[in-house]
Amino acid sequence: MNIIKLDEVITEENKRGIQSKGIVENDDVKVTHIELSEGDYLPEHSVPVNVFFYIVEGKGTLQIGDEKEVVEAKQVITCPPNTTMSLEADQGEAFKVLNVKTPSL
């Protein structure tokens, strides 16, 4: 059994300039903890794999394709391959999200 303590995982800036923690990465899945402070945003982009977001803490705006919604803790949102997506911490609080890609990139 491999127990990962999120508080002990090193926070790094990802290729899009966002603070994140790589939690799991193998051929089948990539799990990243994204940490957006108030006012931060993850720019619109797309990836060629299935993605889902689990909102860990806070509220923020998630855009998938042409849809934009304010999402909050304990929600799961799916995104099909090759669909644009973005995140924004625009609700007056930090916005923490698990981003899961399968298969891994």
Protein backbone atom coordinates (compact mmCIF):
# COMPACT_ATOMS: atom_id res chain seq x y z
CA MET A 1 0.00 0.00 0.00
CA ASN A 2 1.24 3.45 -0.89
CA ILE A 3 -0.17 6.25 1.25
CA ILE A 4 0.53 9.73 -0.09
CA LYS A 5 0.29 12.59 2.39
CA LEU A 6 -0.70 15.61 0.33
CA ASP A 7 0.88 18.02 2.84
CA GLU A 8 4.24 16.33 2.21
CA VAL A 9 4.13 16.48 -1.62
CA ILE A 10 6.25 19.30 -3.03
CA THR A 11 4.33 22.12 -4.70
CA GLU A 12 5.75 23.11 -8.09
CA GLU A 13 4.79 25.51 -10.82
CA ASN A 14 3.38 23.56 -13.78
CA LYS A 15 3.91 24.38 -17.47
CA ARG A 16 0.92 26.74 -17.38
CA GLY A 17 2.30 28.73 -14.41
CA ILE A 18 -0.04 27.24 -11.78
CA GLN A 19 0.95 25.86 -8.35
CA SER A 20 0.37 22.11 -8.39
CA LYS A 21 1.39 18.84 -6.78
CA GLY A 22 1.98 15.71 -8.82
CA ILE A 23 0.36 12.92 -6.83
CA VAL A 24 0.30 9.85 -9.11
CA GLU A 25 1.66 9.35 -12.60
CA ASN A 26 1.92 6.12 -14.57
CA ASP A 27 0.83 4.84 -18.00
CA ASP A 28 -2.81 4.60 -16.91
CA VAL A 29 -3.47 7.78 -14.94
CA LYS A 30 -2.09 11.15 -13.93
CA VAL A 31 -3.42 12.83 -10.78
CA THR A 32 -2.49 16.43 -9.99
CA HIS A 33 -3.59 18.65 -7.10
CA ILE A 34 -4.08 22.18 -8.46
CA GLU A 35 -3.95 25.06 -5.99
CA LEU A 36 -5.42 28.35 -7.20
CA SER A 37 -5.28 31.42 -4.94
CA GLU A 38 -7.97 34.09 -5.25
CA GLY A 39 -7.61 35.65 -8.71
CA ASP A 40 -5.49 32.85 -10.21
CA TYR A 41 -6.62 31.04 -13.33
CA LEU A 42 -5.62 28.07 -15.45
CA PRO A 43 -5.84 29.23 -19.08
CA GLU A 44 -8.03 27.51 -21.64
CA HIS A 45 -6.42 24.40 -23.12
CA SER A 46 -7.32 20.88 -24.20
CA VAL A 47 -5.74 17.44 -23.88
CA PRO A 48 -6.27 14.26 -25.94
CA VAL A 49 -7.41 12.12 -22.98
CA ASN A 50 -10.37 11.85 -20.58
CA VAL A 51 -10.22 14.27 -17.66
CA PHE A 52 -12.20 14.69 -14.50
CA PHE A 53 -12.01 17.29 -11.77
CA TYR A 54 -12.76 16.66 -8.10
CA ILE A 55 -13.24 19.93 -6.25
CA VAL A 56 -11.39 19.53 -2.94
CA GLU A 57 -11.87 22.95 -1.39
CA GLY A 58 -13.47 26.29 -2.20
CA LYS A 59 -15.47 27.54 -5.17
CA GLY A 60 -14.42 28.68 -8.62
CA THR A 61 -15.43 28.81 -12.24
CA LEU A 62 -14.82 25.79 -14.45
CA GLN A 63 -15.22 26.08 -18.20
CA ILE A 64 -15.58 22.94 -20.32
CA GLY A 65 -16.26 23.51 -24.00
CA ASP A 66 -18.87 26.26 -24.28
CA GLU A 67 -20.20 25.74 -20.74
CA LYS A 68 -19.10 27.73 -17.68
CA GLU A 69 -20.27 26.95 -14.15
CA VAL A 70 -19.35 27.91 -10.61
CA VAL A 71 -18.38 24.63 -8.94
CA GLU A 72 -17.64 23.86 -5.31
CA ALA A 73 -16.13 21.34 -2.92
CA LYS A 74 -17.22 17.69 -3.22
CA GLN A 75 -18.32 17.98 -6.86
CA VAL A 76 -16.93 15.86 -9.71
CA ILE A 77 -16.95 17.24 -13.26
CA THR A 78 -16.00 15.24 -16.35
CA CYS A 79 -14.38 16.48 -19.55
CA PRO A 80 -14.08 14.40 -22.75
CA PRO A 81 -10.85 14.29 -24.78
CA ASN A 82 -9.95 17.25 -27.00
CA THR A 83 -12.39 19.60 -25.26
CA THR A 84 -11.26 23.03 -24.08
CA MET A 85 -11.19 23.61 -20.34
CA SER A 86 -10.11 26.31 -17.87
CA LEU A 87 -10.30 27.03 -14.13
CA GLU A 88 -10.56 30.35 -12.32
CA ALA A 89 -10.49 31.21 -8.60
CA ASP A 90 -12.99 34.05 -8.97
CA GLN A 91 -15.32 33.46 -6.01
CA GLY A 92 -13.37 35.24 -3.27
CA GLU A 93 -11.51 32.20 -1.96
CA ALA A 94 -8.81 29.64 -2.69
CA PHE A 95 -9.82 26.92 -5.15
CA LYS A 96 -8.23 23.47 -4.79
CA VAL A 97 -8.91 20.78 -7.36
CA LEU A 98 -7.77 17.25 -8.15
CA ASN A 99 -7.23 16.92 -11.88
CA VAL A 100 -7.28 13.32 -13.12
CA LYS A 101 -6.23 12.37 -16.66
CA THR A 102 -6.69 8.88 -18.03
CA PRO A 103 -4.73 7.52 -19.67
CA SER A 104 -1.75 9.55 -18.54
CA LEU A 105 -0.08 11.97 -20.94
